[in-house]
Amino acid sequence: MPGQLKEISYIHAEAYAAGELKHGTLALITEEIPVIALATQQAVLEKTLSNIQNARGGSVFAVTQEGHREVAKQVDAIFYLPPANDLLAPVLTAVPLQLIAYYAAVARNCAVDKPRNLAKSVTVE
């Protein structure tokens, strides 16, 4: 997701696992920084919720499965995925994340079909 967001909307983005959101990373979040939390796996849901609480005033958008209603209480906007096996849930997050990248690019008037500065090996056979 961060790569796609960077490529088509030219917005700086970073991705971190829930367990890696510690002091330094959380200190970078301000009110102007949107946070997209992927809360799809039951095994790390408590850790993810804890990190969402520590987002320090940033706007938090969550992508989660329909059964994880406790996430909705802690975020500004939520996108529900259909219930799925915890191993497959991360694959389902690709759809809303791609849409976020697309609509962010459109809102910034970027040419989504012709991103600039891609290596020729990606764009030419």
C-alpha atoms as a PDB file:
ATOM      1  CA  MET A   1       0.000   0.000   0.000  1.00  0.00           C
ATOM      2  CA  PRO A   2       2.632   2.639   0.819  1.00  0.00           C
ATOM      3  CA  GLY A   3       4.302   1.946  -2.517  1.00  0.00           C
ATOM      4  CA  GLN A   4       1.093   2.395  -4.460  1.00  0.00           C
ATOM      5  CA  LEU A   5       0.193   5.554  -2.537  1.00  0.00           C
ATOM      6  CA  LYS A   6       3.659   6.975  -3.224  1.00  0.00           C
ATOM      7  CA  GLU A   7       3.634   6.037  -6.917  1.00  0.00           C
ATOM      8  CA  ILE A   8       0.303   7.460  -7.994  1.00  0.00           C
ATOM      9  CA  SER A   9      -0.463  10.250  -5.508  1.00  0.00           C
ATOM     10  CA  TYR A  10       3.098  11.328  -4.573  1.00  0.00           C
ATOM     11  CA  ILE A  11       2.247  11.261  -0.874  1.00  0.00           C
ATOM     12  CA  HIS A  12       4.941  10.030   1.484  1.00  0.00           C
ATOM     13  CA  ALA A  13       3.776   6.861   3.259  1.00  0.00           C
ATOM     14  CA  GLU A  14       5.360   4.358   5.624  1.00  0.00           C
ATOM     15  CA  ALA A  15       4.127   0.942   6.748  1.00  0.00           C
ATOM     16  CA  TYR A  16       4.861  -0.633  10.131  1.00  0.00           C
ATOM     17  CA  ALA A  17       3.786  -3.869  11.764  1.00  0.00           C
ATOM     18  CA  ALA A  18       1.622  -3.369  14.858  1.00  0.00           C
ATOM     19  CA  GLY A  19       4.397  -4.572  17.151  1.00  0.00           C
ATOM     20  CA  GLU A  20       6.883  -2.080  15.698  1.00  0.00           C
ATOM     21  CA  LEU A  21       4.871   1.052  16.475  1.00  0.00           C
ATOM     22  CA  LYS A  22       6.901   2.219  19.422  1.00  0.00           C
ATOM     23  CA  HIS A  23       8.062   5.529  20.832  1.00  0.00           C
ATOM     24  CA  GLY A  24       9.903   7.012  17.859  1.00  0.00           C
ATOM     25  CA  THR A  25       7.332   6.071  15.256  1.00  0.00           C
ATOM     26  CA  LEU A  26       4.371   7.234  17.344  1.00  0.00           C
ATOM     27  CA  ALA A  27       6.144  10.519  18.087  1.00  0.00           C
ATOM     28  CA  LEU A  28       6.002  11.375  14.373  1.00  0.00           C
ATOM     29  CA  ILE A  29       2.191  11.287  14.309  1.00  0.00           C
ATOM     30  CA  THR A  30       0.530  14.700  14.572  1.00  0.00           C
ATOM     31  CA  GLU A  31      -2.995  15.971  13.927  1.00  0.00           C
ATOM     32  CA  GLU A  32      -2.126  16.461  10.253  1.00  0.00           C
ATOM     33  CA  ILE A  33      -0.942  12.870   9.758  1.00  0.00           C
ATOM     34  CA  PRO A  34      -3.592  10.338   8.733  1.00  0.00           C
ATOM     35  CA  VAL A  35      -3.069   6.805  10.022  1.00  0.00           C
ATOM     36  CA  ILE A  36      -4.494   3.765   8.246  1.00  0.00           C
ATOM     37  CA  ALA A  37      -4.670   0.818  10.637  1.00  0.00           C
ATOM     38  CA  LEU A  38      -5.152  -2.720   9.373  1.00  0.00           C
ATOM     39  CA  ALA A  39      -6.899  -4.587  12.177  1.00  0.00           C
ATOM     40  CA  THR A  40      -7.746  -7.842  10.464  1.00  0.00           C
ATOM     41  CA  GLN A  41      -6.110 -10.600  12.483  1.00  0.00           C
ATOM     42  CA  GLN A  42      -7.536 -11.716  15.811  1.00  0.00           C
ATOM     43  CA  ALA A  43      -4.132 -12.800  17.157  1.00  0.00           C
ATOM     44  CA  VAL A  44      -2.741  -9.234  17.119  1.00  0.00           C
ATOM     45  CA  LEU A  45      -5.998  -7.289  17.462  1.00  0.00           C
ATOM     46  CA  GLU A  46      -5.319  -6.164  21.054  1.00  0.00           C
ATOM     47  CA  LYS A  47      -1.850  -4.878  20.096  1.00  0.00           C
ATOM     48  CA  THR A  48      -3.297  -3.034  17.098  1.00  0.00           C
ATOM     49  CA  LEU A  49      -6.034  -1.462  19.232  1.00  0.00           C
ATOM     50  CA  SER A  50      -3.427  -0.324  21.734  1.00  0.00           C
ATOM     51  CA  ASN A  51      -1.441   1.341  18.967  1.00  0.00           C
ATOM     52  CA  ILE A  52      -4.574   3.009  17.589  1.00  0.00           C
ATOM     53  CA  GLN A  53      -5.166   4.548  21.027  1.00  0.00           C
ATOM     54  CA  ASN A  54      -1.627   5.927  20.969  1.00  0.00           C
ATOM     55  CA  ALA A  55      -2.007   7.656  17.592  1.00  0.00           C
ATOM     56  CA  ARG A  56      -1.718  11.000  19.436  1.00  0.00           C
ATOM     57  CA  GLY A  57      -4.509  12.927  17.761  1.00  0.00           C
ATOM     58  CA  GLY A  58      -3.906  11.811  14.177  1.00  0.00           C
ATOM     59  CA  SER A  59      -6.923  10.901  12.055  1.00  0.00           C
ATOM     60  CA  VAL A  60      -7.225   7.123  12.211  1.00  0.00           C
ATOM     61  CA  PHE A  61      -8.876   5.101   9.467  1.00  0.00           C
ATOM     62  CA  ALA A  62      -9.215   1.371  10.024  1.00  0.00           C
ATOM     63  CA  VAL A  63      -9.667  -1.607   7.747  1.00  0.00           C
ATOM     64  CA  THR A  64     -11.065  -4.543   9.707  1.00  0.00           C
ATOM     65  CA  GLN A  65     -13.323  -7.557   9.461  1.00  0.00           C
ATOM     66  CA  GLU A  66     -17.034  -7.240  10.174  1.00  0.00           C
ATOM     67  CA  GLY A  67     -16.763  -9.142  13.442  1.00  0.00           C
ATOM     68  CA  HIS A  68     -14.258  -6.718  14.996  1.00  0.00           C
ATOM     69  CA  ARG A  69     -16.745  -4.104  16.232  1.00  0.00           C
ATOM     70  CA  GLU A  70     -14.475  -2.878  19.053  1.00  0.00           C
ATOM     71  CA  VAL A  71     -12.263  -1.190  16.461  1.00  0.00           C
ATOM     72  CA  ALA A  72     -15.063   1.196  15.410  1.00  0.00           C
ATOM     73  CA  LYS A  73     -15.083   2.876  18.837  1.00  0.00           C
ATOM     74  CA  GLN A  74     -11.499   4.095  18.466  1.00  0.00           C
ATOM     75  CA  VAL A  75     -11.250   5.365  14.883  1.00  0.00           C
ATOM     76  CA  ASP A  76     -12.519   8.249  12.780  1.00  0.00           C
ATOM     77  CA  ALA A  77     -13.578   6.104   9.810  1.00  0.00           C
ATOM     78  CA  ILE A  78     -13.829   2.367   9.302  1.00  0.00           C
ATOM     79  CA  PHE A  79     -13.909   0.072   6.289  1.00  0.00           C
ATOM     80  CA  TYR A  80     -15.307  -3.409   6.909  1.00  0.00           C
ATOM     81  CA  LEU A  81     -14.111  -6.495   5.082  1.00  0.00           C
ATOM     82  CA  PRO A  82     -16.224  -9.631   4.860  1.00  0.00           C
ATOM     83  CA  PRO A  83     -15.410 -12.282   7.471  1.00  0.00           C
ATOM     84  CA  ALA A  84     -12.442 -14.385   6.382  1.00  0.00           C
ATOM     85  CA  ASN A  85      -9.810 -16.717   7.736  1.00  0.00           C
ATOM     86  CA  ASP A  86      -7.104 -14.751   9.591  1.00  0.00           C
ATOM     87  CA  LEU A  87      -4.495 -15.987   7.107  1.00  0.00           C
ATOM     88  CA  LEU A  88      -6.455 -14.636   4.125  1.00  0.00           C
ATOM     89  CA  ALA A  89      -7.667 -11.368   5.663  1.00  0.00           C
ATOM     90  CA  PRO A  90      -4.504  -9.412   4.768  1.00  0.00           C
ATOM     91  CA  VAL A  91      -5.048 -10.284   1.098  1.00  0.00           C
ATOM     92  CA  LEU A  92      -8.536  -8.758   1.249  1.00  0.00           C
ATOM     93  CA  THR A  93      -7.128  -5.467   2.529  1.00  0.00           C
ATOM     94  CA  ALA A  94      -5.533  -4.853  -0.875  1.00  0.00           C
ATOM     95  CA  VAL A  95      -8.847  -3.725  -2.373  1.00  0.00           C
ATOM     96  CA  PRO A  96      -9.674  -0.852   0.033  1.00  0.00           C
ATOM     97  CA  LEU A  97      -6.014   0.190   0.187  1.00  0.00           C
ATOM     98  CA  GLN A  98      -5.801   0.395  -3.602  1.00  0.00           C
ATOM     99  CA  LEU A  99      -8.985   2.470  -3.618  1.00  0.00           C
ATOM    100  CA  ILE A 100      -7.575   4.829  -0.980  1.00  0.00           C
ATOM    101  CA  ALA A 101      -4.446   5.316  -3.112  1.00  0.00           C
ATOM    102  CA  TYR A 102      -6.534   5.879  -6.245  1.00  0.00           C
ATOM    103  CA  TYR A 103      -8.916   8.416  -4.709  1.00  0.00           C
ATOM    104  CA  ALA A 104      -6.053  10.239  -2.964  1.00  0.00           C
ATOM    105  CA  ALA A 105      -4.361  10.616  -6.359  1.00  0.00           C
ATOM    106  CA  VAL A 106      -7.583  11.807  -8.000  1.00  0.00           C
ATOM    107  CA  ALA A 107      -8.141  14.356  -5.207  1.00  0.00           C
ATOM    108  CA  ARG A 108      -4.618  15.689  -5.805  1.00  0.00           C
ATOM    109  CA  ASN A 109      -5.222  15.887  -9.594  1.00  0.00           C
ATOM    110  CA  CYS A 110      -2.507  13.342 -10.330  1.00  0.00           C
ATOM    111  CA  ALA A 111      -2.462  11.345 -13.564  1.00  0.00           C
ATOM    112  CA  VAL A 112      -3.216   7.917 -12.118  1.00  0.00           C
ATOM    113  CA  ASP A 113      -2.759   6.134 -15.462  1.00  0.00           C
ATOM    114  CA  LYS A 114       0.624   7.741 -16.151  1.00  0.00           C
ATOM    115  CA  PRO A 115       2.667   7.953 -12.955  1.00  0.00           C
ATOM    116  CA  ARG A 116       5.936   9.799 -13.437  1.00  0.00           C
ATOM    117  CA  ASN A 117       9.473   8.651 -12.717  1.00  0.00           C
ATOM    118  CA  LEU A 118       8.896   4.907 -12.925  1.00  0.00           C
ATOM    119  CA  ALA A 119      11.909   2.906 -13.998  1.00  0.00           C
ATOM    120  CA  LYS A 120      11.887   1.958 -17.680  1.00  0.00           C
ATOM    121  CA  SER A 121      12.076  -1.711 -16.737  1.00  0.00           C
ATOM    122  CA  VAL A 122       8.599  -1.356 -15.252  1.00  0.00           C
ATOM    123  CA  THR A 123       7.008   0.557 -18.122  1.00  0.00           C
ATOM    124  CA  VAL A 124       8.833  -0.809 -21.210  1.00  0.00           C
ATOM    125  CA  GLU A 125       9.233  -4.428 -22.279  1.00  0.00           C
END
